[in-house]
Amino acid sequence: MNKIGTYFSESYKELVEKVTWPTWSELQQATVIVLIATLLITLVVGVMDFASHTFLNFIYSFLKHQ
């Protein structure tokens, strides 16, 4: 039981004294970067999905008419 108390005590001390938290402007910048990256990745995946769908439909229709 003493180990649990020590764990929580040291965890709290680390959060209060050792962790450096970002400023509000740093947090906003990081959020914008994450949003832009998410949108770009979504766009790339959407284009890849559309391209593979179109390509496979072409292949299936070509094989269907033989």
N, C-alpha and C. Protein backbone atom coordinates (compact mmCIF):
# COMPACT_ATOMS: atom_id res chain seq x y z
N MET A 1 0.82 -1.19 0.00
CA MET A 1 0.00 0.00 0.00
C MET A 1 0.87 1.25 0.00
N ASN A 2 2.02 1.17 0.64
CA ASN A 2 2.93 2.31 0.70
C ASN A 2 3.47 2.64 -0.69
N LYS A 3 3.67 1.61 -1.54
CA LYS A 3 4.18 1.83 -2.90
C LYS A 3 3.18 2.62 -3.74
N ILE A 4 1.90 2.37 -3.54
CA ILE A 4 0.87 3.11 -4.29
C ILE A 4 0.90 4.58 -3.91
N GLY A 5 0.99 4.87 -2.63
CA GLY A 5 1.06 6.25 -2.17
C GLY A 5 2.30 6.96 -2.71
N THR A 6 3.43 6.25 -2.70
CA THR A 6 4.66 6.82 -3.24
C THR A 6 4.52 7.09 -4.73
N TYR A 7 3.91 6.15 -5.44
CA TYR A 7 3.70 6.32 -6.88
C TYR A 7 2.89 7.58 -7.18
N PHE A 8 1.77 7.77 -6.48
CA PHE A 8 0.94 8.95 -6.73
C PHE A 8 1.64 10.22 -6.31
N SER A 9 2.38 10.17 -5.22
CA SER A 9 3.12 11.35 -4.76
C SER A 9 4.18 11.75 -5.77
N GLU A 10 4.94 10.79 -6.27
CA GLU A 10 5.98 11.09 -7.25
C GLU A 10 5.39 11.51 -8.60
N SER A 11 4.27 10.92 -8.96
CA SER A 11 3.61 11.31 -10.22
C SER A 11 3.14 12.75 -10.15
N TYR A 12 2.54 13.14 -9.03
CA TYR A 12 2.08 14.52 -8.86
C TYR A 12 3.27 15.47 -8.88
N LYS A 13 4.34 15.12 -8.19
CA LYS A 13 5.53 15.98 -8.15
C LYS A 13 6.10 16.16 -9.56
N GLU A 14 6.13 15.09 -10.34
CA GLU A 14 6.64 15.18 -11.71
C GLU A 14 5.76 16.07 -12.57
N LEU A 15 4.44 15.94 -12.44
CA LEU A 15 3.53 16.78 -13.23
C LEU A 15 3.65 18.26 -12.87
N VAL A 16 3.87 18.54 -11.61
CA VAL A 16 3.91 19.94 -11.16
C VAL A 16 5.28 20.57 -11.40
N GLU A 17 6.36 19.82 -11.18
CA GLU A 17 7.69 20.42 -11.19
C GLU A 17 8.51 20.14 -12.44
N LYS A 18 8.32 19.00 -13.09
CA LYS A 18 9.21 18.60 -14.17
C LYS A 18 8.62 18.75 -15.57
N VAL A 19 7.32 18.67 -15.69
CA VAL A 19 6.68 18.74 -17.00
C VAL A 19 6.59 20.19 -17.44
N THR A 20 6.96 20.44 -18.70
CA THR A 20 6.79 21.79 -19.25
C THR A 20 5.57 21.77 -20.16
N TRP A 21 4.59 22.57 -19.83
CA TRP A 21 3.35 22.62 -20.59
C TRP A 21 3.47 23.69 -21.67
N PRO A 22 2.86 23.46 -22.83
CA PRO A 22 2.94 24.47 -23.90
C PRO A 22 2.15 25.73 -23.53
N THR A 23 2.59 26.82 -24.13
CA THR A 23 1.83 28.06 -23.96
C THR A 23 0.57 27.98 -24.82
N TRP A 24 -0.32 28.95 -24.63
CA TRP A 24 -1.57 28.95 -25.39
C TRP A 24 -1.30 29.08 -26.88
N SER A 25 -0.35 29.95 -27.27
CA SER A 25 -0.07 30.11 -28.70
C SER A 25 0.59 28.86 -29.28
N GLU A 26 1.46 28.20 -28.53
CA GLU A 26 2.06 26.95 -28.99
C GLU A 26 0.99 25.88 -29.17
N LEU A 27 0.05 25.83 -28.26
CA LEU A 27 -1.03 24.86 -28.35
C LEU A 27 -1.91 25.12 -29.58
N GLN A 28 -2.19 26.40 -29.84
CA GLN A 28 -2.98 26.75 -31.02
C GLN A 28 -2.25 26.38 -32.31
N GLN A 29 -0.94 26.67 -32.36
CA GLN A 29 -0.15 26.33 -33.55
C GLN A 29 -0.13 24.82 -33.79
N ALA A 30 0.07 24.07 -32.73
CA ALA A 30 0.09 22.61 -32.86
C ALA A 30 -1.26 22.08 -33.32
N THR A 31 -2.33 22.68 -32.82
CA THR A 31 -3.68 22.26 -33.22
C THR A 31 -3.91 22.52 -34.71
N VAL A 32 -3.48 23.68 -35.18
CA VAL A 32 -3.65 24.01 -36.60
C VAL A 32 -2.84 23.05 -37.46
N ILE A 33 -1.63 22.72 -37.04
CA ILE A 33 -0.80 21.79 -37.79
C ILE A 33 -1.46 20.42 -37.86
N VAL A 34 -2.00 19.96 -36.75
CA VAL A 34 -2.67 18.66 -36.73
C VAL A 34 -3.91 18.67 -37.63
N LEU A 35 -4.69 19.75 -37.59
CA LEU A 35 -5.88 19.84 -38.44
C LEU A 35 -5.51 19.84 -39.92
N ILE A 36 -4.48 20.59 -40.29
CA ILE A 36 -4.06 20.65 -41.69
C ILE A 36 -3.55 19.28 -42.13
N ALA A 37 -2.74 18.64 -41.30
CA ALA A 37 -2.22 17.31 -41.64
C ALA A 37 -3.36 16.31 -41.78
N THR A 38 -4.35 16.39 -40.90
CA THR A 38 -5.50 15.49 -40.97
C THR A 38 -6.28 15.70 -42.27
N LEU A 39 -6.48 16.94 -42.64
CA LEU A 39 -7.19 17.23 -43.89
C LEU A 39 -6.41 16.72 -45.10
N LEU A 40 -5.09 16.93 -45.11
CA LEU A 40 -4.28 16.46 -46.24
C LEU A 40 -4.29 14.94 -46.34
N ILE A 41 -4.14 14.26 -45.23
CA ILE A 41 -4.17 12.80 -45.24
C ILE A 41 -5.53 12.29 -45.69
N THR A 42 -6.60 12.95 -45.21
CA THR A 42 -7.95 12.57 -45.63
C THR A 42 -8.12 12.75 -47.14
N LEU A 43 -7.60 13.85 -47.66
CA LEU A 43 -7.68 14.11 -49.10
C LEU A 43 -6.92 13.05 -49.89
N VAL A 44 -5.72 12.71 -49.44
CA VAL A 44 -4.92 11.70 -50.14
C VAL A 44 -5.63 10.35 -50.11
N VAL A 45 -6.14 9.95 -48.97
CA VAL A 45 -6.85 8.68 -48.87
C VAL A 45 -8.10 8.69 -49.73
N GLY A 46 -8.82 9.81 -49.77
CA GLY A 46 -10.01 9.92 -50.61
C GLY A 46 -9.69 9.79 -52.09
N VAL A 47 -8.60 10.44 -52.52
CA VAL A 47 -8.19 10.34 -53.92
C VAL A 47 -7.78 8.91 -54.25
N MET A 48 -7.03 8.27 -53.36
CA MET A 48 -6.62 6.88 -53.58
C MET A 48 -7.84 5.96 -53.64
N ASP A 49 -8.82 6.20 -52.78
CA ASP A 49 -10.04 5.39 -52.78
C ASP A 49 -10.80 5.57 -54.09
N PHE A 50 -10.94 6.82 -54.52
CA PHE A 50 -11.65 7.09 -55.77
C PHE A 50 -10.92 6.45 -56.95
N ALA A 51 -9.60 6.57 -56.99
CA ALA A 51 -8.82 6.02 -58.09
C ALA A 51 -8.92 4.49 -58.12
N SER A 52 -8.80 3.85 -56.97
CA SER A 52 -8.88 2.39 -56.95
C SER A 52 -10.29 1.93 -57.31
N HIS A 53 -11.30 2.65 -56.86
CA HIS A 53 -12.68 2.30 -57.19
C HIS A 53 -12.91 2.41 -58.71
N THR A 54 -12.44 3.50 -59.30
CA THR A 54 -12.59 3.71 -60.73
C THR A 54 -11.83 2.64 -61.52
N PHE A 55 -10.61 2.37 -61.10
CA PHE A 55 -9.79 1.37 -61.79
C PHE A 55 -10.42 -0.02 -61.71
N LEU A 56 -10.87 -0.40 -60.54
CA LEU A 56 -11.49 -1.72 -60.38
C LEU A 56 -12.80 -1.82 -61.15
N ASN A 57 -13.59 -0.76 -61.19
CA ASN A 57 -14.82 -0.77 -61.99
C ASN A 57 -14.49 -0.95 -63.47
N PHE A 58 -13.42 -0.30 -63.94
CA PHE A 58 -13.00 -0.45 -65.32
C PHE A 58 -12.59 -1.90 -65.60
N ILE A 59 -11.80 -2.48 -64.71
CA ILE A 59 -11.36 -3.87 -64.89
C ILE A 59 -12.56 -4.82 -64.87
N TYR A 60 -13.46 -4.64 -63.92
CA TYR A 60 -14.64 -5.52 -63.82
C TYR A 60 -15.52 -5.39 -65.06
N SER A 61 -15.73 -4.16 -65.52
CA SER A 61 -16.58 -4.00 -66.71
C SER A 61 -15.91 -4.58 -67.94
N PHE A 62 -14.59 -4.47 -68.03
CA PHE A 62 -13.86 -5.04 -69.15
C PHE A 62 -13.96 -6.57 -69.14
N LEU A 63 -13.83 -7.18 -67.96
CA LEU A 63 -13.91 -8.63 -67.85
C LEU A 63 -15.35 -9.13 -68.04
N LYS A 64 -16.32 -8.31 -67.67
CA LYS A 64 -17.73 -8.69 -67.77
C LYS A 64 -18.17 -8.79 -69.24
N HIS A 65 -17.60 -7.96 -70.10
CA HIS A 65 -18.01 -7.94 -71.50
C HIS A 65 -17.29 -8.97 -72.34
N GLN A 66 -16.43 -9.75 -71.77
CA GLN A 66 -15.74 -10.78 -72.55
C GLN A 66 -16.50 -12.06 -72.60
